[in-house]
Amino acid sequence: MNKVAHFVKPASGTLIVLLFFSIPLLTKEAYLLHILIMAGINIILAISLRTIATTGQMSLAHAGFMAIGAYTSALFVMKFGFSFWIALPLGGIASTLMALVVGYPFVRVKRVYFAMLTLFLGAVIRLIIMEWRNLTHGTSGLLNIPPPNSLSFFGLFHIVFNSKVPFYYLILVLVLISLFFLYRIDSSRVGRTLLAIQQDDSVAESVGINVTNFKVFAWCVGCFFAGIAGAFYAHFIKTLTPDSFGVLQAIYVVVYMVVGGRRKLYGAILGAFILTLLPEFFRILKEYQPFVFVGTLLLITFFLPGGLVDLPKMGISLVRRHKATRISHA
C-alpha cells in the first residue's frame, strides 16, 4: 500500500503540472490567464510566508517585502538599463538583505509581538516608498514599466512578452522553482528543525539548536521569494503604486495560508488558488472581498482548524461515523 501511495503522489503532481501547462493550448482567454497569473503570484507569497510560519512566527510584512522586490526590479530596469532577467533575482536579493538587517532583533520577539513588529515594518516600507519621491515617484507611482526582455533558444523559437501567454508560463515556472526549493527545505533536516522550534523553541535551544539563526534563515528565505513575486508583479502589471502593498494585501496572504492549511505546503497553494479565483468567478463577491475573506477564515477556524487540507479527512470521518451509527441502530 505504501508503495502505491509513493507512486501515486508524484504521478498526480505531474498530471496537475501538465494540466496547467496545457491551459494556454486550450484557451487564450486573456481574462482567465490574468486571474491564473495573479493566483500564481499569490501562491508564491503564501508558500513563502508558510516557511516563516514554520518557526511559529507570523509575519505581516510580506506585502512590504513584495514591494521592495517590485520597486528594485522596476528601478534597475528603468533607471539603470538592466535586463529583467538580472533585475528579477536582484529584487529577491534586495528583500533578503532588508530581512537580514532587521532579522536578528526581530526574531528575538515572539508570537503576537513579532506580528506587531512586522506590521509596523510593512507600514514603514510603504511610507518610505511614498516619501522617496525622486526615486519612486511617491503616490504617483512608476508607470510604463517595461515587460521582460524577449528570449531566444538557440534560434529555434523566440518568446516575446507581448501577451498574457508568455507571462502565464513564466509565473508557472517561478511557482515550480519556488515549490522545489521550499519543499526541499521542508523535507530536509532544516525543515524538521524549524518544526521543532515551532513546537517549543526553549526545548530546541536546550538541545543545542541555534534558534535565532534558524529563525533568521526561514525569515530571509520567505522574504526572498516575496521579493521575486513582487519583481514579477511589477513587470506584469507595468504600474506600481504604494497602495498595491498595503496592510490589507499582507493580511490576504496570511488568510491564503491559514485557510488552505499551514501544516502542509500544498495547503498554502490550495488556499491561495481558491481564494484568488473565488471573487473573480463570483463577480458579486469582488466588491465585498475583505468580508468574504473574513467570513471564510471564521468558517475554517471553527469547522476546519487545520485548513482545507483536512477536508478529505473530515469527510472520511463523517462517513465512518454515519456507518457506525447505522450499524448500531441495526
C-alpha atoms as a PDB file:
ATOM      1  CA  MET A   1       0.000   0.000   0.000  1.00  0.00           C
ATOM      2  CA  ASN A   2       2.840   2.376   0.871  1.00  0.00           C
ATOM      3  CA  LYS A   3       4.481   1.621  -2.488  1.00  0.00           C
ATOM      4  CA  VAL A   4       1.263   2.551  -4.306  1.00  0.00           C
ATOM      5  CA  ALA A   5       0.937   5.809  -2.339  1.00  0.00           C
ATOM      6  CA  HIS A   6       4.615   6.554  -3.031  1.00  0.00           C
ATOM      7  CA  PHE A   7       3.908   6.252  -6.776  1.00  0.00           C
ATOM      8  CA  VAL A   8       0.501   7.992  -6.829  1.00  0.00           C
ATOM      9  CA  LYS A   9       1.616  11.252  -5.182  1.00  0.00           C
ATOM     10  CA  PRO A  10       4.359  12.168  -7.731  1.00  0.00           C
ATOM     11  CA  ALA A  11       2.153  10.951 -10.600  1.00  0.00           C
ATOM     12  CA  SER A  12      -0.797  13.126  -9.531  1.00  0.00           C
ATOM     13  CA  GLY A  13       1.535  16.102  -9.072  1.00  0.00           C
ATOM     14  CA  THR A  14       2.938  15.599 -12.581  1.00  0.00           C
ATOM     15  CA  LEU A  15      -0.576  15.410 -14.045  1.00  0.00           C
ATOM     16  CA  ILE A  16      -1.569  18.665 -12.316  1.00  0.00           C
ATOM     17  CA  VAL A  17       1.544  20.419 -13.666  1.00  0.00           C
ATOM     18  CA  LEU A  18       0.865  19.120 -17.202  1.00  0.00           C
ATOM     19  CA  LEU A  19      -2.740  20.288 -16.911  1.00  0.00           C
ATOM     20  CA  PHE A  20      -1.669  23.821 -16.052  1.00  0.00           C
ATOM     21  CA  PHE A  21       0.932  23.863 -18.830  1.00  0.00           C
ATOM     22  CA  SER A  22      -1.787  22.859 -21.315  1.00  0.00           C
ATOM     23  CA  ILE A  23      -4.280  25.614 -20.366  1.00  0.00           C
ATOM     24  CA  PRO A  24      -2.989  28.190 -22.932  1.00  0.00           C
ATOM     25  CA  LEU A  25      -3.259  25.467 -25.602  1.00  0.00           C
ATOM     26  CA  LEU A  26      -6.951  25.051 -24.754  1.00  0.00           C
ATOM     27  CA  THR A  27      -7.834  28.738 -24.357  1.00  0.00           C
ATOM     28  CA  LYS A  28      -6.086  32.066 -24.832  1.00  0.00           C
ATOM     29  CA  GLU A  29      -8.816  33.993 -22.995  1.00  0.00           C
ATOM     30  CA  ALA A  30      -6.867  36.972 -21.587  1.00  0.00           C
ATOM     31  CA  TYR A  31      -9.124  37.416 -18.557  1.00  0.00           C
ATOM     32  CA  LEU A  32      -8.766  33.790 -17.414  1.00  0.00           C
ATOM     33  CA  LEU A  33      -4.999  33.838 -17.919  1.00  0.00           C
ATOM     34  CA  HIS A  34      -4.762  37.108 -15.956  1.00  0.00           C
ATOM     35  CA  ILE A  35      -6.570  35.540 -12.985  1.00  0.00           C
ATOM     36  CA  LEU A  36      -4.342  32.451 -13.112  1.00  0.00           C
ATOM     37  CA  ILE A  37      -1.225  34.643 -13.253  1.00  0.00           C
ATOM     38  CA  MET A  38      -2.399  36.556 -10.160  1.00  0.00           C
ATOM     39  CA  ALA A  39      -3.094  33.199  -8.494  1.00  0.00           C
ATOM     40  CA  GLY A  40       0.500  32.190  -9.259  1.00  0.00           C
ATOM     41  CA  ILE A  41       1.832  35.352  -7.602  1.00  0.00           C
ATOM     42  CA  ASN A  42      -0.345  34.724  -4.549  1.00  0.00           C
ATOM     43  CA  ILE A  43       0.802  31.088  -4.359  1.00  0.00           C
ATOM     44  CA  ILE A  44       4.458  32.188  -4.177  1.00  0.00           C
ATOM     45  CA  LEU A  45       3.556  34.689  -1.450  1.00  0.00           C
ATOM     46  CA  ALA A  46       1.555  32.112   0.540  1.00  0.00           C
ATOM     47  CA  ILE A  47       4.112  29.288   0.414  1.00  0.00           C
ATOM     48  CA  SER A  48       6.982  31.655   1.255  1.00  0.00           C
ATOM     49  CA  LEU A  49       5.031  33.062   4.222  1.00  0.00           C
ATOM     50  CA  ARG A  50       4.414  29.479   5.356  1.00  0.00           C
ATOM     51  CA  THR A  51       8.197  28.952   5.537  1.00  0.00           C
ATOM     52  CA  ILE A  52       8.389  31.799   8.045  1.00  0.00           C
ATOM     53  CA  ALA A  53       5.349  30.431   9.906  1.00  0.00           C
ATOM     54  CA  THR A  54       7.009  27.018  10.367  1.00  0.00           C
ATOM     55  CA  THR A  55       9.093  28.627  13.124  1.00  0.00           C
ATOM     56  CA  GLY A  56       5.932  29.697  14.962  1.00  0.00           C
ATOM     57  CA  GLN A  57       6.194  33.345  13.871  1.00  0.00           C
ATOM     58  CA  MET A  58       3.556  35.125  11.775  1.00  0.00           C
ATOM     59  CA  SER A  59       4.789  37.941   9.539  1.00  0.00           C
ATOM     60  CA  LEU A  60       2.525  40.788   8.456  1.00  0.00           C
ATOM     61  CA  ALA A  61       5.270  42.444   6.405  1.00  0.00           C
ATOM     62  CA  HIS A  62       5.088  40.188   3.354  1.00  0.00           C
ATOM     63  CA  ALA A  63       3.448  42.888   1.232  1.00  0.00           C
ATOM     64  CA  GLY A  64       6.285  45.228   2.224  1.00  0.00           C
ATOM     65  CA  PHE A  65       8.955  42.770   1.063  1.00  0.00           C
ATOM     66  CA  MET A  66       6.982  42.201  -2.106  1.00  0.00           C
ATOM     67  CA  ALA A  67       7.126  45.988  -2.628  1.00  0.00           C
ATOM     68  CA  ILE A  68      10.908  46.018  -2.142  1.00  0.00           C
ATOM     69  CA  GLY A  69      11.294  43.343  -4.822  1.00  0.00           C
ATOM     70  CA  ALA A  70       8.881  45.113  -7.168  1.00  0.00           C
ATOM     71  CA  TYR A  71      10.453  48.570  -6.924  1.00  0.00           C
ATOM     72  CA  THR A  72      14.025  47.209  -7.003  1.00  0.00           C
ATOM     73  CA  SER A  73      13.440  45.256 -10.209  1.00  0.00           C
ATOM     74  CA  ALA A  74      11.482  48.065 -11.888  1.00  0.00           C
ATOM     75  CA  LEU A  75      14.061  50.741 -10.989  1.00  0.00           C
ATOM     76  CA  PHE A  76      17.041  48.655 -12.082  1.00  0.00           C
ATOM     77  CA  VAL A  77      15.406  48.171 -15.478  1.00  0.00           C
ATOM     78  CA  MET A  78      14.059  51.725 -15.924  1.00  0.00           C
ATOM     79  CA  LYS A  79      16.887  53.800 -14.449  1.00  0.00           C
ATOM     80  CA  PHE A  80      19.972  51.638 -14.994  1.00  0.00           C
ATOM     81  CA  GLY A  81      19.026  49.690 -18.117  1.00  0.00           C
ATOM     82  CA  PHE A  82      19.387  46.242 -16.540  1.00  0.00           C
ATOM     83  CA  SER A  83      17.850  43.229 -18.202  1.00  0.00           C
ATOM     84  CA  PHE A  84      14.713  41.924 -16.491  1.00  0.00           C
ATOM     85  CA  TRP A  85      16.417  38.532 -16.081  1.00  0.00           C
ATOM     86  CA  ILE A  86      19.056  40.175 -13.890  1.00  0.00           C
ATOM     87  CA  ALA A  87      16.663  42.579 -12.155  1.00  0.00           C
ATOM     88  CA  LEU A  88      14.285  39.745 -11.140  1.00  0.00           C
ATOM     89  CA  PRO A  89      16.753  37.973  -8.798  1.00  0.00           C
ATOM     90  CA  LEU A  90      18.039  41.368  -7.639  1.00  0.00           C
ATOM     91  CA  GLY A  91      14.501  42.088  -6.395  1.00  0.00           C
ATOM     92  CA  GLY A  92      14.640  38.912  -4.314  1.00  0.00           C
ATOM     93  CA  ILE A  93      18.148  39.727  -3.058  1.00  0.00           C
ATOM     94  CA  ALA A  94      17.119  43.269  -2.032  1.00  0.00           C
ATOM     95  CA  SER A  95      14.236  41.856   0.006  1.00  0.00           C
ATOM     96  CA  THR A  96      16.589  39.312   1.597  1.00  0.00           C
ATOM     97  CA  LEU A  97      19.108  41.997   2.560  1.00  0.00           C
ATOM     98  CA  MET A  98      16.380  44.060   4.201  1.00  0.00           C
ATOM     99  CA  ALA A  99      15.160  40.937   6.010  1.00  0.00           C
ATOM    100  CA  LEU A 100      18.691  40.218   7.214  1.00  0.00           C
ATOM    101  CA  VAL A 101      19.138  43.772   8.538  1.00  0.00           C
ATOM    102  CA  VAL A 102      16.050  43.570  10.751  1.00  0.00           C
ATOM    103  CA  GLY A 103      16.051  39.783  11.207  1.00  0.00           C
ATOM    104  CA  TYR A 104      18.207  39.269  14.301  1.00  0.00           C
ATOM    105  CA  PRO A 105      16.483  41.845  16.517  1.00  0.00           C
ATOM    106  CA  PHE A 106      13.024  40.896  15.196  1.00  0.00           C
ATOM    107  CA  VAL A 107      13.177  37.114  15.741  1.00  0.00           C
ATOM    108  CA  ARG A 108      14.050  37.578  19.418  1.00  0.00           C
ATOM    109  CA  VAL A 109      10.500  38.861  19.854  1.00  0.00           C
ATOM    110  CA  LYS A 110       7.850  36.135  19.973  1.00  0.00           C
ATOM    111  CA  ARG A 111       4.316  35.466  18.740  1.00  0.00           C
ATOM    112  CA  VAL A 112       1.951  38.445  18.740  1.00  0.00           C
ATOM    113  CA  TYR A 113       4.765  40.948  19.396  1.00  0.00           C
ATOM    114  CA  PHE A 114       6.625  39.663  16.328  1.00  0.00           C
ATOM    115  CA  ALA A 115       3.446  40.072  14.275  1.00  0.00           C
ATOM    116  CA  MET A 116       3.068  43.654  15.536  1.00  0.00           C
ATOM    117  CA  LEU A 117       6.686  44.485  14.689  1.00  0.00           C
ATOM    118  CA  THR A 118       6.320  43.120  11.165  1.00  0.00           C
ATOM    119  CA  LEU A 119       3.069  45.049  10.734  1.00  0.00           C
ATOM    120  CA  PHE A 120       4.902  48.276  11.578  1.00  0.00           C
ATOM    121  CA  LEU A 121       7.806  47.288   9.308  1.00  0.00           C
ATOM    122  CA  GLY A 122       5.446  46.839   6.364  1.00  0.00           C
ATOM    123  CA  ALA A 123       3.932  50.264   7.078  1.00  0.00           C
ATOM    124  CA  VAL A 124       7.421  51.843   7.278  1.00  0.00           C
ATOM    125  CA  ILE A 125       8.463  50.298   3.935  1.00  0.00           C
ATOM    126  CA  ARG A 126       5.306  51.666   2.321  1.00  0.00           C
ATOM    127  CA  LEU A 127       5.906  55.101   3.899  1.00  0.00           C
ATOM    128  CA  ILE A 128       9.495  55.205   2.569  1.00  0.00           C
ATOM    129  CA  ILE A 129       8.202  54.392  -0.930  1.00  0.00           C
ATOM    130  CA  MET A 130       5.651  57.214  -0.655  1.00  0.00           C
ATOM    131  CA  GLU A 131       8.155  59.782   0.609  1.00  0.00           C
ATOM    132  CA  TRP A 132      11.175  58.957  -1.573  1.00  0.00           C
ATOM    133  CA  ARG A 133       9.591  60.767  -4.498  1.00  0.00           C
ATOM    134  CA  ASN A 134      12.706  61.437  -6.573  1.00  0.00           C
ATOM    135  CA  LEU A 135      13.303  57.693  -6.801  1.00  0.00           C
ATOM    136  CA  THR A 136       9.885  56.023  -6.528  1.00  0.00           C
ATOM    137  CA  HIS A 137       7.669  58.948  -7.685  1.00  0.00           C
ATOM    138  CA  GLY A 138       5.745  58.663  -4.414  1.00  0.00           C
ATOM    139  CA  THR A 139       1.990  58.204  -4.642  1.00  0.00           C
ATOM    140  CA  SER A 140       2.105  58.878  -8.411  1.00  0.00           C
ATOM    141  CA  GLY A 141       3.929  55.581  -8.787  1.00  0.00           C
ATOM    142  CA  LEU A 142       6.096  54.116 -11.509  1.00  0.00           C
ATOM    143  CA  LEU A 143       4.411  53.948 -14.911  1.00  0.00           C
ATOM    144  CA  ASN A 144       5.186  52.119 -18.149  1.00  0.00           C
ATOM    145  CA  ILE A 145       7.465  49.530 -16.541  1.00  0.00           C
ATOM    146  CA  PRO A 146       8.992  47.510 -19.401  1.00  0.00           C
ATOM    147  CA  PRO A 147       7.986  43.852 -19.847  1.00  0.00           C
ATOM    148  CA  PRO A 148      10.642  41.117 -19.577  1.00  0.00           C
ATOM    149  CA  ASN A 149      13.234  41.022 -22.341  1.00  0.00           C
ATOM    150  CA  SER A 150      12.469  38.575 -25.117  1.00  0.00           C
ATOM    151  CA  LEU A 151      14.055  35.131 -25.010  1.00  0.00           C
ATOM    152  CA  SER A 152      15.576  33.135 -27.843  1.00  0.00           C
ATOM    153  CA  PHE A 153      16.516  29.462 -27.505  1.00  0.00           C
ATOM    154  CA  PHE A 154      19.285  28.553 -29.952  1.00  0.00           C
ATOM    155  CA  GLY A 155      17.334  30.252 -32.743  1.00  0.00           C
ATOM    156  CA  LEU A 156      14.668  27.538 -32.575  1.00  0.00           C
ATOM    157  CA  PHE A 157      11.933  29.686 -31.093  1.00  0.00           C
ATOM    158  CA  HIS A 158      11.548  33.234 -29.832  1.00  0.00           C
ATOM    159  CA  ILE A 159       9.493  34.291 -26.803  1.00  0.00           C
ATOM    160  CA  VAL A 160       8.195  37.866 -26.725  1.00  0.00           C
ATOM    161  CA  PHE A 161       6.256  39.104 -23.691  1.00  0.00           C
ATOM    162  CA  ASN A 162       3.523  40.901 -25.627  1.00  0.00           C
ATOM    163  CA  SER A 163       0.540  38.855 -24.406  1.00  0.00           C
ATOM    164  CA  LYS A 164      -0.691  37.008 -21.316  1.00  0.00           C
ATOM    165  CA  VAL A 165       0.512  33.597 -22.527  1.00  0.00           C
ATOM    166  CA  PRO A 166       4.299  34.069 -22.009  1.00  0.00           C
ATOM    167  CA  PHE A 167       3.617  35.751 -18.625  1.00  0.00           C
ATOM    168  CA  TYR A 168       1.477  32.747 -17.677  1.00  0.00           C
ATOM    169  CA  TYR A 169       4.260  30.300 -18.482  1.00  0.00           C
ATOM    170  CA  LEU A 170       6.830  32.444 -16.690  1.00  0.00           C
ATOM    171  CA  ILE A 171       4.827  32.595 -13.441  1.00  0.00           C
ATOM    172  CA  LEU A 172       4.200  28.841 -13.723  1.00  0.00           C
ATOM    173  CA  VAL A 173       7.959  28.242 -13.928  1.00  0.00           C
ATOM    174  CA  LEU A 174       8.580  30.614 -10.992  1.00  0.00           C
ATOM    175  CA  VAL A 175       5.940  28.807  -8.916  1.00  0.00           C
ATOM    176  CA  LEU A 176       7.562  25.438  -9.676  1.00  0.00           C
ATOM    177  CA  ILE A 177      11.047  26.747  -8.813  1.00  0.00           C
ATOM    178  CA  SER A 178       9.732  28.233  -5.548  1.00  0.00           C
ATOM    179  CA  LEU A 179       7.943  24.980  -4.713  1.00  0.00           C
ATOM    180  CA  PHE A 180      11.056  22.935  -5.442  1.00  0.00           C
ATOM    181  CA  PHE A 181      13.292  24.930  -3.095  1.00  0.00           C
ATOM    182  CA  LEU A 182      10.718  25.334  -0.326  1.00  0.00           C
ATOM    183  CA  TYR A 183       9.755  21.660  -0.494  1.00  0.00           C
ATOM    184  CA  ARG A 184      13.431  20.676  -0.269  1.00  0.00           C
ATOM    185  CA  ILE A 185      13.786  22.834   2.842  1.00  0.00           C
ATOM    186  CA  ASP A 186      10.527  21.480   4.260  1.00  0.00           C
ATOM    187  CA  SER A 187      11.528  17.826   3.850  1.00  0.00           C
ATOM    188  CA  SER A 188      15.136  18.273   4.998  1.00  0.00           C
ATOM    189  CA  ARG A 189      16.724  18.256   8.444  1.00  0.00           C
ATOM    190  CA  VAL A 190      16.437  22.051   8.399  1.00  0.00           C
ATOM    191  CA  GLY A 191      12.661  21.772   7.931  1.00  0.00           C
ATOM    192  CA  ARG A 192      12.386  19.325  10.827  1.00  0.00           C
ATOM    193  CA  THR A 193      14.454  21.688  12.964  1.00  0.00           C
ATOM    194  CA  LEU A 194      12.121  24.578  12.105  1.00  0.00           C
ATOM    195  CA  LEU A 195       9.136  22.475  13.187  1.00  0.00           C
ATOM    196  CA  ALA A 196      10.905  21.630  16.451  1.00  0.00           C
ATOM    197  CA  ILE A 197      11.421  25.342  17.057  1.00  0.00           C
ATOM    198  CA  GLN A 198       7.721  25.920  16.369  1.00  0.00           C
ATOM    199  CA  GLN A 199       6.773  23.309  18.986  1.00  0.00           C
ATOM    200  CA  ASP A 200       8.994  24.757  21.708  1.00  0.00           C
ATOM    201  CA  ASP A 201      11.966  26.962  20.947  1.00  0.00           C
ATOM    202  CA  SER A 202      13.224  26.765  24.566  1.00  0.00           C
ATOM    203  CA  VAL A 203      13.488  22.967  24.377  1.00  0.00           C
ATOM    204  CA  ALA A 204      15.096  23.229  20.928  1.00  0.00           C
ATOM    205  CA  GLU A 205      17.682  25.645  22.301  1.00  0.00           C
ATOM    206  CA  SER A 206      18.377  23.368  25.272  1.00  0.00           C
ATOM    207  CA  VAL A 207      19.480  20.561  22.928  1.00  0.00           C
ATOM    208  CA  GLY A 208      21.969  22.779  21.112  1.00  0.00           C
ATOM    209  CA  ILE A 209      19.897  24.244  18.246  1.00  0.00           C
ATOM    210  CA  ASN A 210      20.765  27.835  17.396  1.00  0.00           C
ATOM    211  CA  VAL A 211      17.145  29.010  17.367  1.00  0.00           C
ATOM    212  CA  THR A 212      17.954  32.592  16.349  1.00  0.00           C
ATOM    213  CA  ASN A 213      19.950  31.566  13.270  1.00  0.00           C
ATOM    214  CA  PHE A 214      17.278  29.146  12.097  1.00  0.00           C
ATOM    215  CA  LYS A 215      14.514  31.731  12.556  1.00  0.00           C
ATOM    216  CA  VAL A 216      16.513  34.327  10.613  1.00  0.00           C
ATOM    217  CA  PHE A 217      17.158  31.747   7.875  1.00  0.00           C
ATOM    218  CA  ALA A 218      13.427  30.993   7.495  1.00  0.00           C
ATOM    219  CA  TRP A 219      12.622  34.731   7.606  1.00  0.00           C
ATOM    220  CA  CYS A 220      15.170  35.541   4.877  1.00  0.00           C
ATOM    221  CA  VAL A 221      14.089  32.654   2.625  1.00  0.00           C
ATOM    222  CA  GLY A 222      10.436  33.694   2.909  1.00  0.00           C
ATOM    223  CA  CYS A 223      11.270  37.330   2.166  1.00  0.00           C
ATOM    224  CA  PHE A 224      13.435  36.377  -0.830  1.00  0.00           C
ATOM    225  CA  PHE A 225      10.528  34.676  -2.582  1.00  0.00           C
ATOM    226  CA  ALA A 226       8.209  37.552  -1.644  1.00  0.00           C
ATOM    227  CA  GLY A 227      10.675  39.822  -3.456  1.00  0.00           C
ATOM    228  CA  ILE A 228      10.681  37.521  -6.501  1.00  0.00           C
ATOM    229  CA  ALA A 229       6.863  37.616  -6.582  1.00  0.00           C
ATOM    230  CA  GLY A 230       6.993  41.417  -6.352  1.00  0.00           C
ATOM    231  CA  ALA A 231       9.548  41.707  -9.160  1.00  0.00           C
ATOM    232  CA  PHE A 232       7.383  39.623 -11.482  1.00  0.00           C
ATOM    233  CA  TYR A 233       4.284  41.604 -10.453  1.00  0.00           C
ATOM    234  CA  ALA A 234       5.959  44.917 -11.381  1.00  0.00           C
ATOM    235  CA  HIS A 235       6.750  43.863 -14.941  1.00  0.00           C
ATOM    236  CA  PHE A 236       3.430  42.102 -15.419  1.00  0.00           C
ATOM    237  CA  ILE A 237       1.178  44.934 -14.194  1.00  0.00           C
ATOM    238  CA  LYS A 238       3.587  47.603 -15.568  1.00  0.00           C
ATOM    239  CA  THR A 239       2.457  50.133 -12.941  1.00  0.00           C
ATOM    240  CA  LEU A 240       3.477  50.382  -9.290  1.00  0.00           C
ATOM    241  CA  THR A 241       1.932  52.498  -6.539  1.00  0.00           C
ATOM    242  CA  PRO A 242       2.312  52.198  -2.748  1.00  0.00           C
ATOM    243  CA  ASP A 243      -1.409  51.343  -2.493  1.00  0.00           C
ATOM    244  CA  SER A 244      -0.705  47.934  -4.024  1.00  0.00           C
ATOM    245  CA  PHE A 245       1.280  46.912  -0.927  1.00  0.00           C
ATOM    246  CA  GLY A 246      -0.893  47.945   1.985  1.00  0.00           C
ATOM    247  CA  VAL A 247      -1.831  46.145   5.185  1.00  0.00           C
ATOM    248  CA  LEU A 248      -4.830  44.502   3.529  1.00  0.00           C
ATOM    249  CA  GLN A 249      -2.593  42.769   0.982  1.00  0.00           C
ATOM    250  CA  ALA A 250      -0.396  41.431   3.809  1.00  0.00           C
ATOM    251  CA  ILE A 251      -3.458  40.118   5.646  1.00  0.00           C
ATOM    252  CA  TYR A 252      -4.743  38.440   2.478  1.00  0.00           C
ATOM    253  CA  VAL A 253      -1.516  36.426   2.236  1.00  0.00           C
ATOM    254  CA  VAL A 254      -1.970  35.240   5.830  1.00  0.00           C
ATOM    255  CA  VAL A 255      -5.576  34.266   5.032  1.00  0.00           C
ATOM    256  CA  TYR A 256      -4.456  32.278   1.956  1.00  0.00           C
ATOM    257  CA  MET A 257      -2.077  30.270   4.109  1.00  0.00           C
ATOM    258  CA  VAL A 258      -4.411  29.729   7.084  1.00  0.00           C
ATOM    259  CA  VAL A 259      -7.483  28.838   5.004  1.00  0.00           C
ATOM    260  CA  GLY A 260      -5.515  26.309   2.938  1.00  0.00           C
ATOM    261  CA  GLY A 261      -3.735  24.862   5.954  1.00  0.00           C
ATOM    262  CA  ARG A 262      -0.326  25.908   7.207  1.00  0.00           C
ATOM    263  CA  ARG A 263       0.783  22.396   8.223  1.00  0.00           C
ATOM    264  CA  LYS A 264       1.199  21.306   4.595  1.00  0.00           C
ATOM    265  CA  LEU A 265       2.909  23.085   1.719  1.00  0.00           C
ATOM    266  CA  TYR A 266       0.067  22.236  -0.645  1.00  0.00           C
ATOM    267  CA  GLY A 267      -2.368  23.769   1.854  1.00  0.00           C
ATOM    268  CA  ALA A 268      -0.960  27.243   1.201  1.00  0.00           C
ATOM    269  CA  ILE A 269      -1.166  26.542  -2.558  1.00  0.00           C
ATOM    270  CA  LEU A 270      -4.793  25.458  -2.270  1.00  0.00           C
ATOM    271  CA  GLY A 271      -5.777  28.474  -0.156  1.00  0.00           C
ATOM    272  CA  ALA A 272      -4.114  30.999  -2.477  1.00  0.00           C
ATOM    273  CA  PHE A 273      -5.532  29.383  -5.612  1.00  0.00           C
ATOM    274  CA  ILE A 274      -9.141  29.091  -4.396  1.00  0.00           C
ATOM    275  CA  LEU A 275      -9.320  32.498  -2.729  1.00  0.00           C
ATOM    276  CA  THR A 276      -7.831  34.229  -5.791  1.00  0.00           C
ATOM    277  CA  LEU A 277     -10.322  32.609  -8.157  1.00  0.00           C
ATOM    278  CA  LEU A 278     -13.410  32.748  -5.914  1.00  0.00           C
ATOM    279  CA  PRO A 279     -14.077  36.535  -6.036  1.00  0.00           C
ATOM    280  CA  GLU A 280     -13.290  36.624  -9.762  1.00  0.00           C
ATOM    281  CA  PHE A 281     -15.744  33.937 -10.811  1.00  0.00           C
ATOM    282  CA  PHE A 282     -18.441  35.274  -8.497  1.00  0.00           C
ATOM    283  CA  ARG A 283     -18.238  38.911  -9.536  1.00  0.00           C
ATOM    284  CA  ILE A 284     -20.818  39.994  -6.965  1.00  0.00           C
ATOM    285  CA  LEU A 285     -18.290  38.986  -4.273  1.00  0.00           C
ATOM    286  CA  LYS A 286     -15.474  41.123  -5.709  1.00  0.00           C
ATOM    287  CA  GLU A 287     -16.745  44.346  -4.120  1.00  0.00           C
ATOM    288  CA  TYR A 288     -17.016  42.633  -0.731  1.00  0.00           C
ATOM    289  CA  GLN A 289     -13.738  40.699  -0.922  1.00  0.00           C
ATOM    290  CA  PRO A 290     -12.477  41.626   2.599  1.00  0.00           C
ATOM    291  CA  PHE A 291     -15.766  40.448   4.142  1.00  0.00           C
ATOM    292  CA  VAL A 292     -15.704  37.238   2.092  1.00  0.00           C
ATOM    293  CA  PHE A 293     -12.168  36.529   3.297  1.00  0.00           C
ATOM    294  CA  VAL A 294     -13.060  37.219   6.928  1.00  0.00           C
ATOM    295  CA  GLY A 295     -16.160  35.001   6.675  1.00  0.00           C
ATOM    296  CA  THR A 296     -14.149  32.205   5.048  1.00  0.00           C
ATOM    297  CA  LEU A 297     -11.467  32.480   7.718  1.00  0.00           C
ATOM    298  CA  LEU A 298     -14.045  32.261  10.526  1.00  0.00           C
ATOM    299  CA  LEU A 299     -15.715  29.220   8.961  1.00  0.00           C
ATOM    300  CA  ILE A 300     -12.391  27.450   8.504  1.00  0.00           C
ATOM    301  CA  THR A 301     -11.303  28.317  12.055  1.00  0.00           C
ATOM    302  CA  PHE A 302     -14.474  26.851  13.561  1.00  0.00           C
ATOM    303  CA  PHE A 303     -15.068  23.820  11.325  1.00  0.00           C
ATOM    304  CA  LEU A 304     -11.639  23.010   9.824  1.00  0.00           C
ATOM    305  CA  PRO A 305      -8.926  24.279  12.202  1.00  0.00           C
ATOM    306  CA  GLY A 306      -6.288  22.530  10.088  1.00  0.00           C
ATOM    307  CA  GLY A 307      -7.446  24.277   6.911  1.00  0.00           C
ATOM    308  CA  LEU A 308      -8.845  22.927   3.644  1.00  0.00           C
ATOM    309  CA  VAL A 309      -6.214  20.162   3.610  1.00  0.00           C
ATOM    310  CA  ASP A 310      -8.206  18.485   6.397  1.00  0.00           C
ATOM    311  CA  LEU A 311     -11.398  18.370   4.314  1.00  0.00           C
ATOM    312  CA  PRO A 312     -10.835  14.814   2.956  1.00  0.00           C
ATOM    313  CA  LYS A 313     -10.003  13.571   6.467  1.00  0.00           C
ATOM    314  CA  MET A 314     -13.159  15.220   7.821  1.00  0.00           C
ATOM    315  CA  GLY A 315     -15.249  13.643   5.034  1.00  0.00           C
ATOM    316  CA  ILE A 316     -13.860  10.167   5.765  1.00  0.00           C
ATOM    317  CA  SER A 317     -14.536  10.658   9.475  1.00  0.00           C
ATOM    318  CA  LEU A 318     -18.159  11.667   8.803  1.00  0.00           C
ATOM    319  CA  VAL A 319     -18.714   8.635   6.529  1.00  0.00           C
ATOM    320  CA  ARG A 320     -17.290   6.274   9.146  1.00  0.00           C
ATOM    321  CA  ARG A 321     -19.418   7.870  11.866  1.00  0.00           C
ATOM    322  CA  HIS A 322     -22.509   7.521   9.685  1.00  0.00           C
ATOM    323  CA  LYS A 323     -21.744   3.841   9.015  1.00  0.00           C
ATOM    324  CA  ALA A 324     -21.140   3.201  12.723  1.00  0.00           C
ATOM    325  CA  THR A 325     -24.484   4.854  13.573  1.00  0.00           C
ATOM    326  CA  ARG A 326     -26.325   2.709  11.019  1.00  0.00           C
ATOM    327  CA  ILE A 327     -24.706  -0.464  12.348  1.00  0.00           C
ATOM    328  CA  SER A 328     -25.592   0.420  15.964  1.00  0.00           C
ATOM    329  CA  HIS A 329     -29.232   1.089  15.004  1.00  0.00           C
ATOM    330  CA  ALA A 330     -29.392  -2.169  13.072  1.00  0.00           C
END
